[in-house]
Amino acid sequence: MTTIDVPADRWHDAVAEAIATHPWLVHLTAIDGAGERGQDPDIIVVCRCENHDGDDVTVSTRVPRDGGSLDSVVDVVAGAAWYQREIHESFGVTFVGPGADNRALLICDAPKPPLRKEVVLAQRAETTWPGVAGPGTSTSASRRRALPAGVPDLETWQRIKDGEDISDVEVVAAMSGRRPRSSAGRDAGATRATRGQAGQGRRA
């Protein structure tokens, strides 16, 4: 198995090189890179190909989550057309060239690409989730309350409903039950760490 990470402007050529030696397209998909603390907000596009021996090559690249675009690879492998249409609809990546961005599954434009992590499942957010506390689960105040997938904490959801412009990273963090640390919070943490190290030095 070979994995190749390339810049966006090398995407088409890298996939063409992979197909030249591994002519079977296994999958072409995308991943929202926004993590719980928002370290990597890019959209990651991945193409996996195989040869007749079962050996595979995976080519990946990253594009900005807003306005990201890649060259279409339909001229290299025709089967990529459907996958590209799915990626465009579900993650908002634009493909430039043949067979690029025709509608795949959605019958109308969504407010945001639906498989991006910052997209809130509004119906679920407005409905009491039965999995908050199952049988035998502690409901004490000290226990962190579980959140259903696709639902931020109540404070963030109210801000969204009120029309406040909240960054994607903050929404993703709110869905995981964590909030991105502010620069003041990071500075305070660094100060505490420095004081702790100084204290250990004095004790030594």
N, C-alpha and C. Protein backbone atom coordinates (compact mmCIF):
# COMPACT_ATOMS: atom_id res chain seq x y z
N MET A 1 0.85 -1.20 0.00
CA MET A 1 0.00 0.00 0.00
C MET A 1 0.88 1.24 0.00
N THR A 2 0.59 2.15 -0.92
CA THR A 2 1.34 3.39 -1.03
C THR A 2 0.40 4.57 -0.83
N THR A 3 0.80 5.52 -0.01
CA THR A 3 0.00 6.72 0.22
C THR A 3 0.78 7.94 -0.23
N ILE A 4 0.15 8.78 -1.04
CA ILE A 4 0.81 9.96 -1.59
C ILE A 4 -0.03 11.19 -1.25
N ASP A 5 0.57 12.15 -0.58
CA ASP A 5 -0.08 13.43 -0.29
C ASP A 5 0.50 14.48 -1.23
N VAL A 6 -0.38 15.19 -1.94
CA VAL A 6 0.08 16.15 -2.93
C VAL A 6 -0.64 17.48 -2.72
N PRO A 7 -0.04 18.59 -3.16
CA PRO A 7 -0.76 19.87 -3.14
C PRO A 7 -1.89 19.85 -4.16
N ALA A 8 -2.85 20.73 -3.99
CA ALA A 8 -4.05 20.73 -4.84
C ALA A 8 -3.72 20.89 -6.33
N ASP A 9 -2.70 21.67 -6.64
CA ASP A 9 -2.39 21.88 -8.06
C ASP A 9 -1.72 20.67 -8.71
N ARG A 10 -1.37 19.66 -7.90
CA ARG A 10 -0.78 18.42 -8.44
C ARG A 10 -1.79 17.28 -8.45
N TRP A 11 -3.04 17.53 -8.01
CA TRP A 11 -4.04 16.48 -7.85
C TRP A 11 -4.27 15.69 -9.14
N HIS A 12 -4.56 16.37 -10.23
CA HIS A 12 -4.88 15.69 -11.49
C HIS A 12 -3.72 14.82 -11.95
N ASP A 13 -2.51 15.37 -11.97
CA ASP A 13 -1.36 14.62 -12.45
C ASP A 13 -1.04 13.43 -11.54
N ALA A 14 -1.20 13.62 -10.23
CA ALA A 14 -0.91 12.53 -9.30
C ALA A 14 -1.89 11.37 -9.47
N VAL A 15 -3.17 11.69 -9.67
CA VAL A 15 -4.16 10.63 -9.90
C VAL A 15 -3.88 9.94 -11.23
N ALA A 16 -3.50 10.69 -12.26
CA ALA A 16 -3.18 10.10 -13.57
C ALA A 16 -2.00 9.14 -13.45
N GLU A 17 -0.99 9.52 -12.69
CA GLU A 17 0.16 8.64 -12.48
C GLU A 17 -0.23 7.38 -11.73
N ALA A 18 -1.11 7.51 -10.75
CA ALA A 18 -1.56 6.35 -9.99
C ALA A 18 -2.36 5.40 -10.88
N ILE A 19 -3.26 5.95 -11.70
CA ILE A 19 -4.10 5.14 -12.58
C ILE A 19 -3.26 4.42 -13.64
N ALA A 20 -2.14 5.00 -14.04
CA ALA A 20 -1.29 4.39 -15.06
C ALA A 20 -0.76 3.04 -14.61
N THR A 21 -0.53 2.87 -13.31
CA THR A 21 0.00 1.61 -12.79
C THR A 21 -1.03 0.82 -11.98
N HIS A 22 -2.10 1.49 -11.54
CA HIS A 22 -3.16 0.86 -10.75
C HIS A 22 -4.50 1.28 -11.37
N PRO A 23 -4.92 0.58 -12.44
CA PRO A 23 -6.01 1.10 -13.29
C PRO A 23 -7.42 0.96 -12.75
N TRP A 24 -7.62 0.35 -11.59
CA TRP A 24 -8.97 0.17 -11.07
C TRP A 24 -9.26 1.19 -9.98
N LEU A 25 -10.26 2.00 -10.22
CA LEU A 25 -10.68 2.98 -9.21
C LEU A 25 -11.49 2.27 -8.13
N VAL A 26 -10.99 2.32 -6.90
CA VAL A 26 -11.69 1.69 -5.78
C VAL A 26 -12.65 2.69 -5.14
N HIS A 27 -12.16 3.89 -4.91
CA HIS A 27 -13.03 4.88 -4.26
C HIS A 27 -12.44 6.27 -4.42
N LEU A 28 -13.32 7.24 -4.45
CA LEU A 28 -12.95 8.65 -4.46
C LEU A 28 -13.90 9.34 -3.50
N THR A 29 -13.36 9.94 -2.46
CA THR A 29 -14.23 10.51 -1.43
C THR A 29 -13.57 11.72 -0.80
N ALA A 30 -14.24 12.28 0.19
CA ALA A 30 -13.69 13.44 0.91
C ALA A 30 -13.92 13.26 2.40
N ILE A 31 -13.12 13.97 3.18
CA ILE A 31 -13.19 13.93 4.64
C ILE A 31 -13.13 15.37 5.13
N ASP A 32 -14.01 15.70 6.06
CA ASP A 32 -13.93 17.02 6.68
C ASP A 32 -12.86 16.96 7.77
N GLY A 33 -11.79 17.73 7.59
CA GLY A 33 -10.67 17.66 8.51
C GLY A 33 -10.84 18.43 9.79
N ALA A 34 -11.96 19.12 9.97
CA ALA A 34 -12.14 19.89 11.20
C ALA A 34 -12.23 18.95 12.39
N GLY A 35 -11.25 19.05 13.30
CA GLY A 35 -11.23 18.18 14.46
C GLY A 35 -11.99 18.78 15.63
N GLU A 36 -11.96 18.09 16.77
CA GLU A 36 -12.70 18.56 17.94
C GLU A 36 -12.23 19.93 18.38
N ARG A 37 -10.96 20.20 18.21
CA ARG A 37 -10.43 21.52 18.57
C ARG A 37 -10.10 22.35 17.34
N GLY A 38 -10.52 21.87 16.17
CA GLY A 38 -10.38 22.67 14.95
C GLY A 38 -8.97 22.82 14.45
N GLN A 39 -8.10 21.80 14.71
CA GLN A 39 -6.71 21.95 14.28
C GLN A 39 -6.58 21.98 12.76
N ASP A 40 -7.43 21.26 12.05
CA ASP A 40 -7.24 21.08 10.62
C ASP A 40 -8.57 21.28 9.90
N PRO A 41 -8.92 22.51 9.57
CA PRO A 41 -10.25 22.76 9.01
C PRO A 41 -10.38 22.48 7.52
N ASP A 42 -9.33 21.98 6.86
CA ASP A 42 -9.41 21.74 5.42
C ASP A 42 -10.34 20.58 5.10
N ILE A 43 -10.75 20.53 3.82
CA ILE A 43 -11.42 19.35 3.28
C ILE A 43 -10.36 18.49 2.59
N ILE A 44 -10.31 17.22 2.97
CA ILE A 44 -9.31 16.29 2.43
C ILE A 44 -9.99 15.41 1.39
N VAL A 45 -9.46 15.40 0.17
CA VAL A 45 -10.00 14.58 -0.91
C VAL A 45 -9.05 13.41 -1.14
N VAL A 46 -9.61 12.20 -1.24
CA VAL A 46 -8.82 10.98 -1.28
C VAL A 46 -9.26 10.10 -2.45
N CYS A 47 -8.30 9.61 -3.23
CA CYS A 47 -8.57 8.68 -4.32
C CYS A 47 -7.74 7.41 -4.10
N ARG A 48 -8.42 6.26 -4.14
CA ARG A 48 -7.72 4.98 -3.96
C ARG A 48 -7.87 4.14 -5.22
N CYS A 49 -6.75 3.60 -5.70
CA CYS A 49 -6.72 2.78 -6.90
C CYS A 49 -6.00 1.46 -6.61
N GLU A 50 -6.36 0.43 -7.38
CA GLU A 50 -5.73 -0.89 -7.23
C GLU A 50 -5.28 -1.42 -8.58
N ASN A 51 -4.33 -2.38 -8.54
CA ASN A 51 -3.97 -3.12 -9.76
C ASN A 51 -4.46 -4.55 -9.64
N HIS A 52 -4.16 -5.39 -10.65
CA HIS A 52 -4.71 -6.75 -10.67
C HIS A 52 -4.10 -7.64 -9.59
N ASP A 53 -2.99 -7.21 -8.98
CA ASP A 53 -2.38 -7.97 -7.89
C ASP A 53 -2.95 -7.61 -6.52
N GLY A 54 -3.85 -6.65 -6.49
CA GLY A 54 -4.42 -6.21 -5.22
C GLY A 54 -3.61 -5.15 -4.52
N ASP A 55 -2.51 -4.73 -5.12
CA ASP A 55 -1.73 -3.62 -4.55
C ASP A 55 -2.49 -2.32 -4.78
N ASP A 56 -2.44 -1.40 -3.82
CA ASP A 56 -3.21 -0.16 -3.97
C ASP A 56 -2.36 1.07 -3.73
N VAL A 57 -2.81 2.15 -4.33
CA VAL A 57 -2.20 3.47 -4.16
C VAL A 57 -3.30 4.43 -3.74
N THR A 58 -3.03 5.22 -2.72
CA THR A 58 -3.98 6.23 -2.26
C THR A 58 -3.37 7.62 -2.45
N VAL A 59 -4.06 8.47 -3.19
CA VAL A 59 -3.62 9.84 -3.42
C VAL A 59 -4.56 10.76 -2.65
N SER A 60 -4.00 11.69 -1.89
CA SER A 60 -4.83 12.63 -1.14
C SER A 60 -4.31 14.05 -1.30
N THR A 61 -5.23 14.99 -1.15
CA THR A 61 -4.87 16.40 -1.19
C THR A 61 -5.82 17.17 -0.28
N ARG A 62 -5.53 18.42 -0.06
CA ARG A 62 -6.33 19.26 0.82
C ARG A 62 -6.72 20.54 0.10
N VAL A 63 -7.95 20.96 0.35
CA VAL A 63 -8.42 22.23 -0.21
C VAL A 63 -9.09 23.02 0.92
N PRO A 64 -9.12 24.34 0.82
CA PRO A 64 -9.82 25.13 1.84
C PRO A 64 -11.29 24.75 1.89
N ARG A 65 -11.88 24.79 3.08
CA ARG A 65 -13.29 24.40 3.20
C ARG A 65 -14.22 25.41 2.53
N ASP A 66 -13.76 26.62 2.35
CA ASP A 66 -14.56 27.64 1.65
C ASP A 66 -13.87 27.97 0.33
N GLY A 67 -14.56 27.66 -0.76
CA GLY A 67 -14.02 27.99 -2.08
C GLY A 67 -12.97 27.03 -2.59
N GLY A 68 -12.85 25.85 -2.01
CA GLY A 68 -11.85 24.90 -2.47
C GLY A 68 -12.20 24.31 -3.82
N SER A 69 -11.20 24.12 -4.69
CA SER A 69 -11.46 23.56 -6.02
C SER A 69 -10.31 22.66 -6.44
N LEU A 70 -10.64 21.69 -7.31
CA LEU A 70 -9.65 20.76 -7.86
C LEU A 70 -9.96 20.54 -9.34
N ASP A 71 -8.93 20.14 -10.09
CA ASP A 71 -9.15 19.75 -11.47
C ASP A 71 -9.88 18.41 -11.50
N SER A 72 -10.85 18.29 -12.40
CA SER A 72 -11.57 17.03 -12.58
C SER A 72 -10.61 15.96 -13.10
N VAL A 73 -10.84 14.71 -12.66
CA VAL A 73 -10.02 13.60 -13.15
C VAL A 73 -10.84 12.65 -14.02
N VAL A 74 -12.00 13.11 -14.50
CA VAL A 74 -12.86 12.28 -15.35
C VAL A 74 -12.17 11.92 -16.66
N ASP A 75 -11.29 12.80 -17.16
CA ASP A 75 -10.57 12.48 -18.39
C ASP A 75 -9.56 11.36 -18.17
N VAL A 76 -9.20 11.10 -16.91
CA VAL A 76 -8.25 10.04 -16.57
C VAL A 76 -8.99 8.75 -16.26
N VAL A 77 -10.07 8.85 -15.49
CA VAL A 77 -10.86 7.68 -15.10
C VAL A 77 -12.33 8.10 -15.09
N ALA A 78 -13.10 7.58 -16.05
CA ALA A 78 -14.48 8.03 -16.24
C ALA A 78 -15.35 7.77 -15.02
N GLY A 79 -15.05 6.71 -14.27
CA GLY A 79 -15.84 6.37 -13.09
C GLY A 79 -15.78 7.40 -11.99
N ALA A 80 -14.88 8.36 -12.10
CA ALA A 80 -14.76 9.39 -11.06
C ALA A 80 -15.90 10.41 -11.11
N ALA A 81 -16.67 10.44 -12.20
CA ALA A 81 -17.68 11.48 -12.37
C ALA A 81 -18.70 11.48 -11.23
N TRP A 82 -19.25 10.32 -10.91
CA TRP A 82 -20.27 10.26 -9.86
C TRP A 82 -19.69 10.66 -8.51
N TYR A 83 -18.50 10.16 -8.22
CA TYR A 83 -17.87 10.50 -6.94
C TYR A 83 -17.64 12.01 -6.82
N GLN A 84 -17.18 12.63 -7.90
CA GLN A 84 -16.95 14.08 -7.86
C GLN A 84 -18.24 14.83 -7.59
N ARG A 85 -19.32 14.38 -8.20
CA ARG A 85 -20.62 15.04 -7.98
C ARG A 85 -21.05 14.91 -6.51
N GLU A 86 -20.83 13.74 -5.93
CA GLU A 86 -21.14 13.54 -4.51
C GLU A 86 -20.30 14.46 -3.62
N ILE A 87 -19.01 14.52 -3.91
CA ILE A 87 -18.11 15.35 -3.10
C ILE A 87 -18.50 16.82 -3.21
N HIS A 88 -18.84 17.24 -4.42
CA HIS A 88 -19.26 18.64 -4.61
C HIS A 88 -20.51 18.96 -3.79
N GLU A 89 -21.51 18.09 -3.87
CA GLU A 89 -22.75 18.33 -3.14
C GLU A 89 -22.56 18.23 -1.63
N SER A 90 -21.81 17.21 -1.19
CA SER A 90 -21.76 16.89 0.23
C SER A 90 -20.72 17.68 1.00
N PHE A 91 -19.64 18.13 0.31
CA PHE A 91 -18.56 18.82 1.02
C PHE A 91 -18.25 20.20 0.46
N GLY A 92 -18.83 20.56 -0.69
CA GLY A 92 -18.64 21.90 -1.23
C GLY A 92 -17.38 22.10 -2.04
N VAL A 93 -16.71 21.03 -2.43
CA VAL A 93 -15.50 21.15 -3.27
C VAL A 93 -15.93 21.28 -4.73
N THR A 94 -15.39 22.25 -5.44
CA THR A 94 -15.70 22.46 -6.85
C THR A 94 -14.67 21.74 -7.71
N PHE A 95 -15.15 20.98 -8.71
CA PHE A 95 -14.26 20.33 -9.66
C PHE A 95 -14.35 21.06 -10.98
N VAL A 96 -13.20 21.35 -11.55
CA VAL A 96 -13.11 22.14 -12.77
C VAL A 96 -12.75 21.22 -13.92
N GLY A 97 -13.61 21.18 -14.96
CA GLY A 97 -13.33 20.34 -16.12
C GLY A 97 -14.50 19.43 -16.44
N PRO A 98 -14.26 18.38 -17.22
CA PRO A 98 -15.35 17.52 -17.69
C PRO A 98 -16.03 16.75 -16.56
N GLY A 99 -17.35 16.58 -16.70
CA GLY A 99 -18.11 15.77 -15.74
C GLY A 99 -18.00 16.26 -14.32
N ALA A 100 -17.98 17.56 -14.12
CA ALA A 100 -17.55 18.10 -12.85
C ALA A 100 -18.63 18.13 -11.78
N ASP A 101 -19.58 19.04 -11.88
CA ASP A 101 -20.41 19.35 -10.71
C ASP A 101 -21.91 19.22 -10.96
N ASN A 102 -22.34 18.34 -11.83
CA ASN A 102 -23.77 18.12 -11.98
C ASN A 102 -24.35 17.56 -10.69
N ARG A 103 -25.63 17.84 -10.46
CA ARG A 103 -26.25 17.37 -9.22
C ARG A 103 -26.25 15.84 -9.15
N ALA A 104 -26.00 15.32 -7.94
CA ALA A 104 -25.94 13.87 -7.76
C ALA A 104 -27.15 13.34 -6.99
N LEU A 105 -27.36 13.83 -5.79
CA LEU A 105 -28.39 13.26 -4.92
C LEU A 105 -29.41 14.28 -4.44
N LEU A 106 -28.98 15.50 -4.18
CA LEU A 106 -29.88 16.50 -3.62
C LEU A 106 -30.80 17.06 -4.69
N ILE A 107 -32.07 17.24 -4.33
CA ILE A 107 -33.01 17.78 -5.30
C ILE A 107 -33.03 19.31 -5.28
N CYS A 108 -32.41 19.89 -4.28
CA CYS A 108 -32.30 21.34 -4.22
C CYS A 108 -31.03 21.69 -3.46
N ASP A 109 -30.60 22.93 -3.60
CA ASP A 109 -29.37 23.35 -2.93
C ASP A 109 -29.59 23.39 -1.41
N ALA A 110 -28.64 22.83 -0.66
CA ALA A 110 -28.69 22.88 0.79
C ALA A 110 -28.03 24.17 1.27
N PRO A 111 -28.43 24.68 2.44
CA PRO A 111 -27.79 25.90 2.97
C PRO A 111 -26.27 25.72 3.11
N LYS A 112 -25.86 24.51 3.51
CA LYS A 112 -24.44 24.17 3.60
C LYS A 112 -24.27 22.74 3.12
N PRO A 113 -23.09 22.39 2.61
CA PRO A 113 -22.88 21.00 2.20
C PRO A 113 -23.17 20.05 3.37
N PRO A 114 -24.06 19.08 3.20
CA PRO A 114 -24.63 18.37 4.36
C PRO A 114 -23.70 17.44 5.11
N LEU A 115 -22.56 17.03 4.53
CA LEU A 115 -21.67 16.14 5.26
C LEU A 115 -20.52 16.87 5.94
N ARG A 116 -20.57 18.19 5.92
CA ARG A 116 -19.56 18.95 6.66
C ARG A 116 -19.90 18.92 8.14
N LYS A 117 -18.88 18.92 8.98
CA LYS A 117 -19.08 18.70 10.41
C LYS A 117 -19.80 19.84 11.10
N GLU A 118 -19.78 21.05 10.53
CA GLU A 118 -20.44 22.16 11.20
C GLU A 118 -21.94 22.23 10.93
N VAL A 119 -22.44 21.32 10.08
CA VAL A 119 -23.87 21.31 9.76
C VAL A 119 -24.65 20.71 10.92
N VAL A 120 -25.55 21.50 11.49
CA VAL A 120 -26.34 21.06 12.64
C VAL A 120 -27.57 20.30 12.16
N LEU A 121 -27.86 19.17 12.80
CA LEU A 121 -29.09 18.44 12.53
C LEU A 121 -30.20 19.10 13.33
N ALA A 122 -30.88 20.06 12.68
CA ALA A 122 -31.81 20.93 13.40
C ALA A 122 -32.94 20.16 14.08
N GLN A 123 -33.52 19.19 13.38
CA GLN A 123 -34.63 18.44 13.96
C GLN A 123 -34.19 17.71 15.22
N ARG A 124 -32.99 17.17 15.18
CA ARG A 124 -32.48 16.45 16.36
C ARG A 124 -32.16 17.42 17.49
N ALA A 125 -31.67 18.61 17.13
CA ALA A 125 -31.35 19.60 18.16
C ALA A 125 -32.60 20.06 18.90
N GLU A 126 -33.76 20.06 18.20
CA GLU A 126 -35.01 20.54 18.80
C GLU A 126 -35.78 19.43 19.53
N THR A 127 -35.29 18.19 19.43
CA THR A 127 -36.00 17.05 20.01
C THR A 127 -35.20 16.47 21.15
N THR A 128 -35.86 16.12 22.24
CA THR A 128 -35.17 15.49 23.37
C THR A 128 -34.56 14.19 22.90
N TRP A 129 -33.28 14.05 23.14
CA TRP A 129 -32.53 12.88 22.67
C TRP A 129 -32.64 11.76 23.69
N PRO A 130 -33.15 10.58 23.33
CA PRO A 130 -33.33 9.52 24.31
C PRO A 130 -32.03 8.91 24.81
N GLY A 131 -30.92 9.19 24.14
CA GLY A 131 -29.66 8.59 24.57
C GLY A 131 -28.87 9.42 25.55
N VAL A 132 -29.45 10.53 26.06
CA VAL A 132 -28.71 11.36 27.01
C VAL A 132 -28.32 10.57 28.24
N ALA A 133 -29.25 9.77 28.75
CA ALA A 133 -28.96 8.94 29.91
C ALA A 133 -29.70 7.63 29.77
N GLY A 134 -29.00 6.55 29.54
CA GLY A 134 -29.62 5.25 29.41
C GLY A 134 -29.80 4.59 30.76
N PRO A 135 -30.38 3.39 30.79
CA PRO A 135 -30.58 2.68 32.04
C PRO A 135 -29.28 2.47 32.80
N GLY A 136 -29.30 2.83 34.06
CA GLY A 136 -28.12 2.66 34.90
C GLY A 136 -27.06 3.71 34.72
N THR A 137 -27.34 4.74 33.90
CA THR A 137 -26.37 5.81 33.66
C THR A 137 -26.54 6.91 34.69
N SER A 138 -25.44 7.38 35.23
CA SER A 138 -25.50 8.45 36.22
C SER A 138 -25.97 9.74 35.58
N THR A 139 -26.83 10.47 36.26
CA THR A 139 -27.29 11.78 35.76
C THR A 139 -26.81 12.90 36.67
N SER A 140 -25.77 12.64 37.45
CA SER A 140 -25.27 13.65 38.38
C SER A 140 -24.72 14.84 37.62
N ALA A 141 -24.71 15.97 38.28
CA ALA A 141 -24.25 17.21 37.64
C ALA A 141 -22.78 17.14 37.28
N SER A 142 -22.02 16.31 38.00
CA SER A 142 -20.58 16.24 37.75
C SER A 142 -20.24 15.46 36.49
N ARG A 143 -21.20 14.69 35.98
CA ARG A 143 -20.96 13.88 34.78
C ARG A 143 -21.24 14.72 33.53
N ARG A 144 -20.29 14.72 32.58
CA ARG A 144 -20.48 15.50 31.36
C ARG A 144 -21.66 14.94 30.57
N ARG A 145 -22.55 15.80 30.17
CA ARG A 145 -23.74 15.37 29.44
C ARG A 145 -23.37 15.02 28.00
N ALA A 146 -23.81 13.84 27.57
CA ALA A 146 -23.53 13.41 26.20
C ALA A 146 -24.37 14.21 25.22
N LEU A 147 -23.79 14.45 24.05
CA LEU A 147 -24.51 15.16 22.99
C LEU A 147 -24.72 14.21 21.83
N PRO A 148 -25.91 14.21 21.23
CA PRO A 148 -26.12 13.38 20.04
C PRO A 148 -25.29 13.92 18.87
N ALA A 149 -24.97 13.05 17.94
CA ALA A 149 -24.18 13.47 16.79
C ALA A 149 -24.91 14.56 16.03
N GLY A 150 -24.15 15.57 15.59
CA GLY A 150 -24.74 16.64 14.79
C GLY A 150 -25.45 17.70 15.57
N VAL A 151 -25.29 17.71 16.92
CA VAL A 151 -26.00 18.68 17.77
C VAL A 151 -24.99 19.39 18.67
N PRO A 152 -24.96 20.73 18.65
CA PRO A 152 -24.06 21.47 19.54
C PRO A 152 -24.71 21.63 20.91
N ASP A 153 -23.97 22.22 21.84
CA ASP A 153 -24.55 22.49 23.15
C ASP A 153 -25.67 23.53 23.02
N LEU A 154 -26.50 23.62 24.05
CA LEU A 154 -27.70 24.47 23.97
C LEU A 154 -27.36 25.93 23.72
N GLU A 155 -26.31 26.41 24.36
CA GLU A 155 -25.93 27.82 24.20
C GLU A 155 -25.58 28.13 22.75
N THR A 156 -24.75 27.27 22.13
CA THR A 156 -24.34 27.49 20.75
C THR A 156 -25.53 27.35 19.80
N TRP A 157 -26.41 26.37 20.05
CA TRP A 157 -27.58 26.19 19.19
C TRP A 157 -28.48 27.41 19.24
N GLN A 158 -28.64 28.01 20.43
CA GLN A 158 -29.46 29.21 20.53
C GLN A 158 -28.83 30.37 19.76
N ARG A 159 -27.52 30.49 19.82
CA ARG A 159 -26.83 31.54 19.08
C ARG A 159 -27.02 31.35 17.57
N ILE A 160 -26.98 30.09 17.12
CA ILE A 160 -27.19 29.81 15.70
C ILE A 160 -28.61 30.20 15.29
N LYS A 161 -29.60 29.83 16.11
CA LYS A 161 -30.99 30.15 15.80
C LYS A 161 -31.22 31.66 15.81
N ASP A 162 -30.47 32.39 16.64
CA ASP A 162 -30.60 33.83 16.70
C ASP A 162 -29.92 34.53 15.53
N GLY A 163 -29.28 33.75 14.66
CA GLY A 163 -28.66 34.31 13.47
C GLY A 163 -27.25 34.80 13.67
N GLU A 164 -26.62 34.46 14.78
CA GLU A 164 -25.25 34.91 15.03
C GLU A 164 -24.29 34.19 14.08
N ASP A 165 -23.30 34.91 13.59
CA ASP A 165 -22.31 34.34 12.68
C ASP A 165 -21.24 33.65 13.51
N ILE A 166 -21.28 32.31 13.55
CA ILE A 166 -20.34 31.53 14.36
C ILE A 166 -19.42 30.76 13.43
N SER A 167 -18.14 30.73 13.73
CA SER A 167 -17.18 30.05 12.86
C SER A 167 -17.44 28.55 12.84
N ASP A 168 -17.07 27.92 11.72
CA ASP A 168 -17.23 26.47 11.59
C ASP A 168 -16.49 25.73 12.70
N VAL A 169 -15.29 26.20 13.02
CA VAL A 169 -14.47 25.54 14.04
C VAL A 169 -15.18 25.55 15.39
N GLU A 170 -15.81 26.67 15.73
CA GLU A 170 -16.50 26.77 17.01
C GLU A 170 -17.72 25.85 17.06
N VAL A 171 -18.45 25.76 15.94
CA VAL A 171 -19.61 24.88 15.91
C VAL A 171 -19.18 23.43 16.07
N VAL A 172 -18.12 23.02 15.37
CA VAL A 172 -17.62 21.64 15.48
C VAL A 172 -17.19 21.35 16.92
N ALA A 173 -16.51 22.31 17.54
CA ALA A 173 -16.08 22.13 18.92
C ALA A 173 -17.27 22.00 19.86
N ALA A 174 -18.32 22.79 19.62
CA ALA A 174 -19.51 22.73 20.46
C ALA A 174 -20.23 21.40 20.33
N MET A 175 -20.16 20.77 19.16
CA MET A 175 -20.78 19.46 18.96
C MET A 175 -20.04 18.37 19.71
N SER A 176 -18.74 18.57 19.94
CA SER A 176 -17.95 17.56 20.63
C SER A 176 -17.96 17.77 22.14
N GLY A 177 -18.65 18.84 22.60
CA GLY A 177 -18.67 19.12 24.03
C GLY A 177 -17.45 19.89 24.49
N ARG A 178 -16.64 20.35 23.53
CA ARG A 178 -15.44 21.12 23.87
C ARG A 178 -15.50 22.45 23.15
N ARG A 179 -14.81 23.42 23.69
CA ARG A 179 -14.75 24.73 23.04
C ARG A 179 -13.30 25.06 22.73
N PRO A 180 -13.04 25.71 21.59
CA PRO A 180 -11.68 26.12 21.30
C PRO A 180 -11.18 27.08 22.37
N ARG A 181 -9.96 26.89 22.83
CA ARG A 181 -9.41 27.78 23.84
C ARG A 181 -9.06 29.12 23.24
N SER A 182 -9.41 30.18 23.92
CA SER A 182 -9.06 31.52 23.46
C SER A 182 -7.57 31.74 23.67
N SER A 183 -7.04 32.80 23.04
CA SER A 183 -5.62 33.10 23.23
C SER A 183 -5.33 33.43 24.68
N ALA A 184 -6.28 34.08 25.37
CA ALA A 184 -6.09 34.39 26.79
C ALA A 184 -6.02 33.11 27.60
N GLY A 185 -6.88 32.13 27.25
CA GLY A 185 -6.86 30.86 27.96
C GLY A 185 -5.57 30.12 27.75
N ARG A 186 -5.05 30.15 26.49
CA ARG A 186 -3.78 29.49 26.23
C ARG A 186 -2.65 30.15 26.99
N ASP A 187 -2.67 31.51 27.04
CA ASP A 187 -1.62 32.23 27.77
C ASP A 187 -1.67 31.89 29.25
N ALA A 188 -2.90 31.81 29.80
CA ALA A 188 -3.03 31.48 31.22
C ALA A 188 -2.52 30.08 31.49
N GLY A 189 -2.80 29.14 30.56
CA GLY A 189 -2.32 27.77 30.73
C GLY A 189 -0.81 27.71 30.68
N ALA A 190 -0.22 28.48 29.77
CA ALA A 190 1.24 28.50 29.68
C ALA A 190 1.86 29.08 30.93
N THR A 191 1.22 30.13 31.50
CA THR A 191 1.72 30.74 32.73
C THR A 191 1.69 29.74 33.88
N ARG A 192 0.56 28.99 34.00
CA ARG A 192 0.47 27.98 35.06
C ARG A 192 1.53 26.91 34.90
N ALA A 193 1.77 26.50 33.63
CA ALA A 193 2.78 25.47 33.40
C ALA A 193 4.16 25.97 33.79
N THR A 194 4.46 27.25 33.45
CA THR A 194 5.76 27.81 33.78
C THR A 194 5.94 27.89 35.29
N ARG A 195 4.89 28.33 36.00
CA ARG A 195 4.97 28.40 37.46
C ARG A 195 5.18 27.02 38.06
N GLY A 196 4.49 26.01 37.49
CA GLY A 196 4.64 24.65 38.00
C GLY A 196 6.05 24.14 37.82
N GLN A 197 6.66 24.43 36.67
CA GLN A 197 8.03 24.01 36.43
C GLN A 197 8.99 24.72 37.37
N ALA A 198 8.72 26.02 37.63
CA ALA A 198 9.58 26.77 38.56
C ALA A 198 9.49 26.19 39.96
N GLY A 199 8.26 25.83 40.38
CA GLY A 199 8.08 25.24 41.70
C GLY A 199 8.81 23.93 41.85
N GLN A 200 8.78 23.11 40.81
CA GLN A 200 9.48 21.83 40.84
C GLN A 200 10.98 22.06 40.93
N GLY A 201 11.46 23.09 40.24
CA GLY A 201 12.89 23.40 40.30
C GLY A 201 13.32 23.80 41.71
N ARG A 202 12.47 24.61 42.40
CA ARG A 202 12.83 25.03 43.76
C ARG A 202 12.83 23.82 44.71
N ARG A 203 11.83 22.93 44.53
CA ARG A 203 11.78 21.75 45.41
C ARG A 203 12.97 20.84 45.19
N ALA A 204 13.41 20.77 43.93
CA ALA A 204 14.58 19.94 43.66
C ALA A 204 15.82 20.51 44.31
